[in-house]
C-alpha atoms as a PDB file:
ATOM      1  CA  MET A   1      -3.222 -15.335  27.397  1.00  0.00           C
ATOM      2  CA  ARG A   2      -6.691 -14.947  25.952  1.00  0.00           C
ATOM      3  CA  PHE A   3      -5.473 -11.969  23.896  1.00  0.00           C
ATOM      4  CA  ALA A   4      -2.582 -14.003  22.444  1.00  0.00           C
ATOM      5  CA  ARG A   5      -4.926 -16.747  21.253  1.00  0.00           C
ATOM      6  CA  SER A   6      -7.286 -14.278  19.575  1.00  0.00           C
ATOM      7  CA  MET A   7      -4.366 -12.540  17.807  1.00  0.00           C
ATOM      8  CA  SER A   8      -3.482 -15.752  15.953  1.00  0.00           C
ATOM      9  CA  SER A   9      -6.617 -15.415  13.820  1.00  0.00           C
ATOM     10  CA  VAL A  10      -5.974 -11.755  12.942  1.00  0.00           C
ATOM     11  CA  SER A  11      -4.814 -10.782   9.445  1.00  0.00           C
ATOM     12  CA  PRO A  12      -1.083 -10.254   8.841  1.00  0.00           C
ATOM     13  CA  ILE A  13      -1.688  -6.598   7.942  1.00  0.00           C
ATOM     14  CA  LEU A  14      -3.153  -6.007  11.403  1.00  0.00           C
ATOM     15  CA  HIS A  15      -0.105  -7.642  12.993  1.00  0.00           C
ATOM     16  CA  TYR A  16       2.038  -5.237  10.931  1.00  0.00           C
ATOM     17  CA  ALA A  17      -0.064  -2.257  12.058  1.00  0.00           C
ATOM     18  CA  LEU A  18       0.275  -3.314  15.693  1.00  0.00           C
ATOM     19  CA  ASP A  19       4.016  -3.955  15.442  1.00  0.00           C
ATOM     20  CA  GLY A  20       6.037  -1.435  17.407  1.00  0.00           C
ATOM     21  CA  ASP A  21       8.282  -0.737  14.412  1.00  0.00           C
ATOM     22  CA  GLY A  22       5.498  -0.465  11.834  1.00  0.00           C
ATOM     23  CA  PRO A  23       2.816   2.098  11.048  1.00  0.00           C
ATOM     24  CA  ARG A  24       0.158   2.797  13.657  1.00  0.00           C
ATOM     25  CA  SER A  25      -3.004   2.616  11.504  1.00  0.00           C
ATOM     26  CA  LEU A  26      -4.384  -0.005   9.144  1.00  0.00           C
ATOM     27  CA  THR A  27      -4.452   2.595   6.375  1.00  0.00           C
ATOM     28  CA  SER A  28      -0.729   3.274   6.874  1.00  0.00           C
ATOM     29  CA  ALA A  29       0.019  -0.448   6.903  1.00  0.00           C
ATOM     30  CA  VAL A  30      -1.906  -0.975   3.650  1.00  0.00           C
ATOM     31  CA  GLN A  31      -0.188   2.058   2.131  1.00  0.00           C
ATOM     32  CA  GLU A  32       3.249   0.679   2.992  1.00  0.00           C
ATOM     33  CA  ARG A  33       2.424  -2.797   1.652  1.00  0.00           C
ATOM     34  CA  ILE A  34       1.137  -1.387  -1.653  1.00  0.00           C
ATOM     35  CA  ARG A  35       4.157   0.944  -1.875  1.00  0.00           C
ATOM     36  CA  ALA A  36       6.474  -2.032  -1.351  1.00  0.00           C
ATOM     37  CA  ASP A  37       4.631  -4.041  -4.033  1.00  0.00           C
ATOM     38  CA  ILE A  38       4.967  -1.156  -6.505  1.00  0.00           C
ATOM     39  CA  LEU A  39       8.661  -0.608  -5.809  1.00  0.00           C
ATOM     40  CA  ALA A  40       9.349  -4.347  -6.047  1.00  0.00           C
ATOM     41  CA  THR A  41       7.382  -4.422  -9.363  1.00  0.00           C
ATOM     42  CA  ARG A  42       4.881  -6.939  -8.009  1.00  0.00           C
ATOM     43  CA  LEU A  43       2.384  -4.308  -9.188  1.00  0.00           C
ATOM     44  CA  LEU A  44       3.340  -3.193 -12.684  1.00  0.00           C
ATOM     45  CA  PRO A  45       3.187   0.322 -14.177  1.00  0.00           C
ATOM     46  CA  GLY A  46      -0.258   0.944 -15.639  1.00  0.00           C
ATOM     47  CA  GLN A  47      -1.824  -1.964 -13.739  1.00  0.00           C
ATOM     48  CA  LYS A  48      -5.349  -1.314 -12.493  1.00  0.00           C
ATOM     49  CA  LEU A  49      -5.695  -1.506  -8.725  1.00  0.00           C
ATOM     50  CA  HIS A  50      -8.954  -3.133  -7.669  1.00  0.00           C
ATOM     51  CA  ILE A  51     -10.072  -1.757  -4.317  1.00  0.00           C
ATOM     52  CA  ALA A  52     -12.225  -4.758  -3.435  1.00  0.00           C
ATOM     53  CA  GLY A  53      -9.438  -7.196  -4.304  1.00  0.00           C
ATOM     54  CA  LEU A  54      -6.883  -5.309  -2.230  1.00  0.00           C
ATOM     55  CA  ALA A  55      -9.325  -5.051   0.693  1.00  0.00           C
ATOM     56  CA  LYS A  56      -9.855  -8.819   0.580  1.00  0.00           C
ATOM     57  CA  GLN A  57      -6.110  -9.515   0.206  1.00  0.00           C
ATOM     58  CA  PHE A  58      -5.257  -7.399   3.252  1.00  0.00           C
ATOM     59  CA  SER A  59      -8.448  -8.219   5.218  1.00  0.00           C
ATOM     60  CA  VAL A  60      -9.294  -4.537   5.691  1.00  0.00           C
ATOM     61  CA  SER A  61     -12.194  -2.276   4.771  1.00  0.00           C
ATOM     62  CA  LEU A  62     -12.697  -0.667   1.374  1.00  0.00           C
ATOM     63  CA  ALA A  63     -12.272   2.730   3.041  1.00  0.00           C
ATOM     64  CA  ALA A  64      -8.802   1.826   4.354  1.00  0.00           C
ATOM     65  CA  VAL A  65      -7.698   0.795   0.847  1.00  0.00           C
ATOM     66  CA  ARG A  66      -9.198   3.938  -0.756  1.00  0.00           C
ATOM     67  CA  GLU A  67      -7.412   6.161   1.742  1.00  0.00           C
ATOM     68  CA  ALA A  68      -4.113   4.304   1.242  1.00  0.00           C
ATOM     69  CA  LEU A  69      -4.412   4.661  -2.533  1.00  0.00           C
ATOM     70  CA  SER A  70      -5.229   8.358  -2.203  1.00  0.00           C
ATOM     71  CA  ARG A  71      -2.068   8.838  -0.149  1.00  0.00           C
ATOM     72  CA  LEU A  72      -0.060   7.007  -2.816  1.00  0.00           C
ATOM     73  CA  VAL A  73      -1.549   9.357  -5.439  1.00  0.00           C
ATOM     74  CA  ALA A  74      -0.080  12.252  -3.455  1.00  0.00           C
ATOM     75  CA  ASP A  75       3.287  10.422  -3.511  1.00  0.00           C
ATOM     76  CA  GLY A  76       3.072   9.974  -7.295  1.00  0.00           C
ATOM     77  CA  LEU A  77       3.151   6.177  -7.198  1.00  0.00           C
ATOM     78  CA  VAL A  78      -0.539   5.767  -8.104  1.00  0.00           C
ATOM     79  CA  GLN A  79      -2.811   7.667 -10.496  1.00  0.00           C
ATOM     80  CA  ALA A  80      -6.506   8.259  -9.935  1.00  0.00           C
ATOM     81  CA  ALA A  81      -8.983   8.677 -12.789  1.00  0.00           C
ATOM     82  CA  ASP A  82     -12.517   9.927 -12.230  1.00  0.00           C
ATOM     83  CA  GLN A  83     -14.993   7.049 -12.391  1.00  0.00           C
ATOM     84  CA  ARG A  84     -12.188   4.694 -13.462  1.00  0.00           C
ATOM     85  CA  GLY A  85     -10.409   3.942 -10.218  1.00  0.00           C
ATOM     86  CA  PHE A  86      -6.707   3.732  -9.538  1.00  0.00           C
ATOM     87  CA  ARG A  87      -3.689   2.572 -11.551  1.00  0.00           C
ATOM     88  CA  VAL A  88       0.001   2.203 -10.786  1.00  0.00           C
ATOM     89  CA  SER A  89       1.779   5.254 -12.234  1.00  0.00           C
ATOM     90  CA  ARG A  90       3.726   4.718 -15.413  1.00  0.00           C
ATOM     91  CA  CYS A  91       7.123   5.749 -14.149  1.00  0.00           C
ATOM     92  CA  HIS A  92      10.469   4.288 -13.387  1.00  0.00           C
ATOM     93  CA  CYS A  93      10.816   4.181  -9.609  1.00  0.00           C
ATOM     94  CA  ARG A  94      13.941   3.481  -7.655  1.00  0.00           C
ATOM     95  CA  ILE A  95      15.181   4.017  -4.132  1.00  0.00           C
ATOM     96  CA  SER A  96      17.551   6.948  -3.814  1.00  0.00           C
ATOM     97  CA  PRO A  97      21.010   5.865  -2.623  1.00  0.00           C
ATOM     98  CA  THR A  98      21.109   8.716  -0.099  1.00  0.00           C
ATOM     99  CA  SER A  99      18.014   7.617   1.780  1.00  0.00           C
ATOM    100  CA  PRO A 100      16.089   4.323   1.719  1.00  0.00           C
ATOM    101  CA  ASP A 101      12.862   6.230   2.399  1.00  0.00           C
ATOM    102  CA  ARG A 102      13.190   8.590  -0.574  1.00  0.00           C
ATOM    103  CA  VAL A 103      11.854   7.591  -3.956  1.00  0.00           C
ATOM    104  CA  SER A 104      12.994   9.236  -7.157  1.00  0.00           C
ATOM    105  CA  ARG A 105      10.695   9.081 -10.141  1.00  0.00           C
ATOM    106  CA  SER A 106      11.249   9.761 -13.813  1.00  0.00           C
ATOM    107  CA  LYS A 107       8.562   9.500 -16.466  1.00  0.00           C
ATOM    108  CA  ALA A 108       9.218   6.734 -18.958  1.00  0.00           C
END
């Protein structure tokens, strides 16, 4: 019971990471939340992504956010610029009808 009480004060992203159906690491949970925000256009193409702001929003470390953003760069959803940080890629993104996990991208 003591564990249940302490979990109530934990951030929602940690609950998501601990969920049996969700990702296993905080970095993966942050990555999936940012991916969802991009695909739902809550984060707009070209928008600068502030690492400190995202870390505070998700109650995770700066390193977890940096790693999540780096993974999204590899997926093509985020662009990294030396000494300038990260931005949402300028592309039209949509879910492929054949698979909800596949993203098709076309440059606008």
